[in-house]
Amino acid sequence: MAETLPDVPMDREPQITPQASVDTVKFGDGYEQRRPSGINHIKDQASVSWSRLRRHEFDSLFPFLKNRLGVTPFLWTPPGGSAPRKWVCETLSHAQANAVLWRVSATFREVVA
């Protein structure tokens, strides 16, 4: 079973963008036919960031995401969500903001399996 994203508060709401996976067949004269690619063809992508992490929060969050980067799903409930869903971390970056604070940015992609 997938592990849950560490409970480190975000400093702002994530930007969540639905993305559709569609099969398209193009015919002559500009006509085309589209259909959903499978039963779960609409999945969300989320841009998330934490900009004021203390060292212990950074040490909990960043290795968790880095160790799963691009491959291993984890559970996360977006703000306003009613239940956790599976996500994969697609991109990840970090920077030290000052002597005591860290920044982390990531892009999550919703997955079914």
C-alpha atoms as a PDB file:
ATOM      1  CA  MET A   1       0.000   0.000   0.000  1.00  0.00           C
ATOM      2  CA  ALA A   2       1.171   3.528  -0.769  1.00  0.00           C
ATOM      3  CA  GLU A   3       2.544   5.687   2.032  1.00  0.00           C
ATOM      4  CA  THR A   4       1.037   9.067   2.878  1.00  0.00           C
ATOM      5  CA  LEU A   5       2.769  12.373   2.110  1.00  0.00           C
ATOM      6  CA  PRO A   6       4.232  13.779   5.363  1.00  0.00           C
ATOM      7  CA  ASP A   7       1.920  16.277   7.037  1.00  0.00           C
ATOM      8  CA  VAL A   8       3.969  19.423   6.445  1.00  0.00           C
ATOM      9  CA  PRO A   9       1.739  22.502   5.998  1.00  0.00           C
ATOM     10  CA  MET A  10       1.912  24.255   2.626  1.00  0.00           C
ATOM     11  CA  ASP A  11       2.176  28.019   2.720  1.00  0.00           C
ATOM     12  CA  ARG A  12      -0.388  28.456  -0.062  1.00  0.00           C
ATOM     13  CA  GLU A  13      -3.035  26.434  -1.830  1.00  0.00           C
ATOM     14  CA  PRO A  14      -1.730  24.183  -4.600  1.00  0.00           C
ATOM     15  CA  GLN A  15      -2.700  24.923  -8.181  1.00  0.00           C
ATOM     16  CA  ILE A  16      -4.619  21.893  -9.449  1.00  0.00           C
ATOM     17  CA  THR A  17      -5.177  21.431 -13.184  1.00  0.00           C
ATOM     18  CA  PRO A  18      -7.337  18.632 -14.631  1.00  0.00           C
ATOM     19  CA  GLN A  19      -5.834  16.943 -17.683  1.00  0.00           C
ATOM     20  CA  ALA A  20      -7.694  14.708 -20.136  1.00  0.00           C
ATOM     21  CA  SER A  21      -6.168  11.794 -22.011  1.00  0.00           C
ATOM     22  CA  VAL A  22      -7.929  11.546 -25.376  1.00  0.00           C
ATOM     23  CA  ASP A  23      -7.459   9.358 -28.460  1.00  0.00           C
ATOM     24  CA  THR A  24      -7.922  11.327 -31.701  1.00  0.00           C
ATOM     25  CA  VAL A  25      -8.415  10.060 -35.258  1.00  0.00           C
ATOM     26  CA  LYS A  26      -8.077  12.679 -38.017  1.00  0.00           C
ATOM     27  CA  PHE A  27     -10.084  12.347 -41.215  1.00  0.00           C
ATOM     28  CA  GLY A  28      -9.952  14.361 -44.424  1.00  0.00           C
ATOM     29  CA  ASP A  29     -11.218  17.941 -44.684  1.00  0.00           C
ATOM     30  CA  GLY A  30     -10.269  18.725 -41.082  1.00  0.00           C
ATOM     31  CA  TYR A  31     -12.747  16.368 -39.424  1.00  0.00           C
ATOM     32  CA  GLU A  32     -11.637  14.401 -36.412  1.00  0.00           C
ATOM     33  CA  GLN A  33     -13.114  11.965 -33.926  1.00  0.00           C
ATOM     34  CA  ARG A  34     -12.148  12.001 -30.236  1.00  0.00           C
ATOM     35  CA  ARG A  35     -12.772   9.537 -27.436  1.00  0.00           C
ATOM     36  CA  PRO A  36     -11.568   9.141 -23.848  1.00  0.00           C
ATOM     37  CA  SER A  37      -8.458   6.995 -23.367  1.00  0.00           C
ATOM     38  CA  GLY A  38      -9.890   4.546 -20.839  1.00  0.00           C
ATOM     39  CA  ILE A  39     -12.365   4.917 -18.012  1.00  0.00           C
ATOM     40  CA  ASN A  40     -10.132   7.184 -15.899  1.00  0.00           C
ATOM     41  CA  HIS A  41      -9.170   9.599 -18.643  1.00  0.00           C
ATOM     42  CA  ILE A  42      -9.315  12.782 -16.541  1.00  0.00           C
ATOM     43  CA  LYS A  43      -6.605  13.095 -13.909  1.00  0.00           C
ATOM     44  CA  ASP A  44      -5.319  16.066 -11.964  1.00  0.00           C
ATOM     45  CA  GLN A  45      -1.885  17.650 -11.919  1.00  0.00           C
ATOM     46  CA  ALA A  46      -0.908  19.744  -8.895  1.00  0.00           C
ATOM     47  CA  SER A  47       1.794  22.402  -8.506  1.00  0.00           C
ATOM     48  CA  VAL A  48       2.720  22.525  -4.827  1.00  0.00           C
ATOM     49  CA  SER A  49       5.232  24.530  -2.823  1.00  0.00           C
ATOM     50  CA  TRP A  50       6.501  25.038   0.676  1.00  0.00           C
ATOM     51  CA  SER A  51       8.579  28.184   1.212  1.00  0.00           C
ATOM     52  CA  ARG A  52       9.147  28.419   4.964  1.00  0.00           C
ATOM     53  CA  LEU A  53      10.268  24.953   6.040  1.00  0.00           C
ATOM     54  CA  ARG A  54      12.336  24.480   9.149  1.00  0.00           C
ATOM     55  CA  ARG A  55      15.130  21.911   8.911  1.00  0.00           C
ATOM     56  CA  HIS A  56      13.146  19.067  10.551  1.00  0.00           C
ATOM     57  CA  GLU A  57      10.207  19.678   8.160  1.00  0.00           C
ATOM     58  CA  PHE A  58      12.549  19.740   5.155  1.00  0.00           C
ATOM     59  CA  ASP A  59      14.223  16.515   6.352  1.00  0.00           C
ATOM     60  CA  SER A  60      10.814  14.848   6.542  1.00  0.00           C
ATOM     61  CA  LEU A  61       9.395  16.073   3.224  1.00  0.00           C
ATOM     62  CA  PHE A  62      12.226  16.298   0.685  1.00  0.00           C
ATOM     63  CA  PRO A  63      13.698  12.773   1.069  1.00  0.00           C
ATOM     64  CA  PHE A  64      10.166  11.309   1.005  1.00  0.00           C
ATOM     65  CA  LEU A  65       9.493  12.922  -2.390  1.00  0.00           C
ATOM     66  CA  LYS A  66      13.008  12.383  -3.812  1.00  0.00           C
ATOM     67  CA  ASN A  67      12.984   8.648  -3.020  1.00  0.00           C
ATOM     68  CA  ARG A  68       9.711   8.231  -4.963  1.00  0.00           C
ATOM     69  CA  LEU A  69      10.452  10.706  -7.775  1.00  0.00           C
ATOM     70  CA  GLY A  70       8.728   9.756 -11.012  1.00  0.00           C
ATOM     71  CA  VAL A  71       7.996   6.163 -10.014  1.00  0.00           C
ATOM     72  CA  THR A  72       6.427   5.319  -6.662  1.00  0.00           C
ATOM     73  CA  PRO A  73       2.944   6.652  -5.855  1.00  0.00           C
ATOM     74  CA  PHE A  74       1.976   8.097  -2.487  1.00  0.00           C
ATOM     75  CA  LEU A  75      -1.312   9.140  -0.912  1.00  0.00           C
ATOM     76  CA  TRP A  76      -2.254  12.806  -0.630  1.00  0.00           C
ATOM     77  CA  THR A  77      -5.538  14.603  -0.016  1.00  0.00           C
ATOM     78  CA  PRO A  78      -5.594  17.979  -1.801  1.00  0.00           C
ATOM     79  CA  PRO A  79      -7.128  20.859   0.176  1.00  0.00           C
ATOM     80  CA  GLY A  80     -10.904  20.562   0.005  1.00  0.00           C
ATOM     81  CA  GLY A  81     -10.683  16.874  -0.913  1.00  0.00           C
ATOM     82  CA  SER A  82     -12.687  14.267   0.959  1.00  0.00           C
ATOM     83  CA  ALA A  83     -10.370  11.266   0.577  1.00  0.00           C
ATOM     84  CA  PRO A  84      -6.709  10.599  -0.229  1.00  0.00           C
ATOM     85  CA  ARG A  85      -5.782   9.834  -3.823  1.00  0.00           C
ATOM     86  CA  LYS A  86      -2.627   8.361  -5.382  1.00  0.00           C
ATOM     87  CA  TRP A  87      -0.042  10.733  -6.845  1.00  0.00           C
ATOM     88  CA  VAL A  88       3.448  10.534  -8.342  1.00  0.00           C
ATOM     89  CA  CYS A  89       5.950  13.363  -7.888  1.00  0.00           C
ATOM     90  CA  GLU A  90       7.008  14.353 -11.430  1.00  0.00           C
ATOM     91  CA  THR A  91       9.317  17.298 -10.668  1.00  0.00           C
ATOM     92  CA  LEU A  92      11.074  18.362  -7.492  1.00  0.00           C
ATOM     93  CA  SER A  93      13.367  21.237  -6.526  1.00  0.00           C
ATOM     94  CA  HIS A  94      14.654  22.810  -3.336  1.00  0.00           C
ATOM     95  CA  ALA A  95      16.662  25.799  -2.154  1.00  0.00           C
ATOM     96  CA  GLN A  96      17.849  27.138   1.159  1.00  0.00           C
ATOM     97  CA  ALA A  97      15.999  30.425   1.708  1.00  0.00           C
ATOM     98  CA  ASN A  98      18.233  31.583   4.562  1.00  0.00           C
ATOM     99  CA  ALA A  99      20.183  30.124   7.481  1.00  0.00           C
ATOM    100  CA  VAL A 100      17.127  28.406   8.995  1.00  0.00           C
ATOM    101  CA  LEU A 101      14.464  28.086   6.271  1.00  0.00           C
ATOM    102  CA  TRP A 102      14.141  25.922   3.137  1.00  0.00           C
ATOM    103  CA  ARG A 103      11.934  26.035   0.027  1.00  0.00           C
ATOM    104  CA  VAL A 104      10.567  22.999  -1.829  1.00  0.00           C
ATOM    105  CA  SER A 105       8.537  23.000  -5.067  1.00  0.00           C
ATOM    106  CA  ALA A 106       7.045  19.976  -6.800  1.00  0.00           C
ATOM    107  CA  THR A 107       4.598  18.847  -9.447  1.00  0.00           C
ATOM    108  CA  PHE A 108       2.322  15.930  -8.593  1.00  0.00           C
ATOM    109  CA  ARG A 109       0.435  13.868 -11.183  1.00  0.00           C
ATOM    110  CA  GLU A 110      -2.591  11.813 -10.142  1.00  0.00           C
ATOM    111  CA  VAL A 111      -2.333   8.099 -10.956  1.00  0.00           C
ATOM    112  CA  VAL A 112      -4.812   5.230 -10.826  1.00  0.00           C
ATOM    113  CA  ALA A 113      -2.596   2.241 -10.012  1.00  0.00           C
END
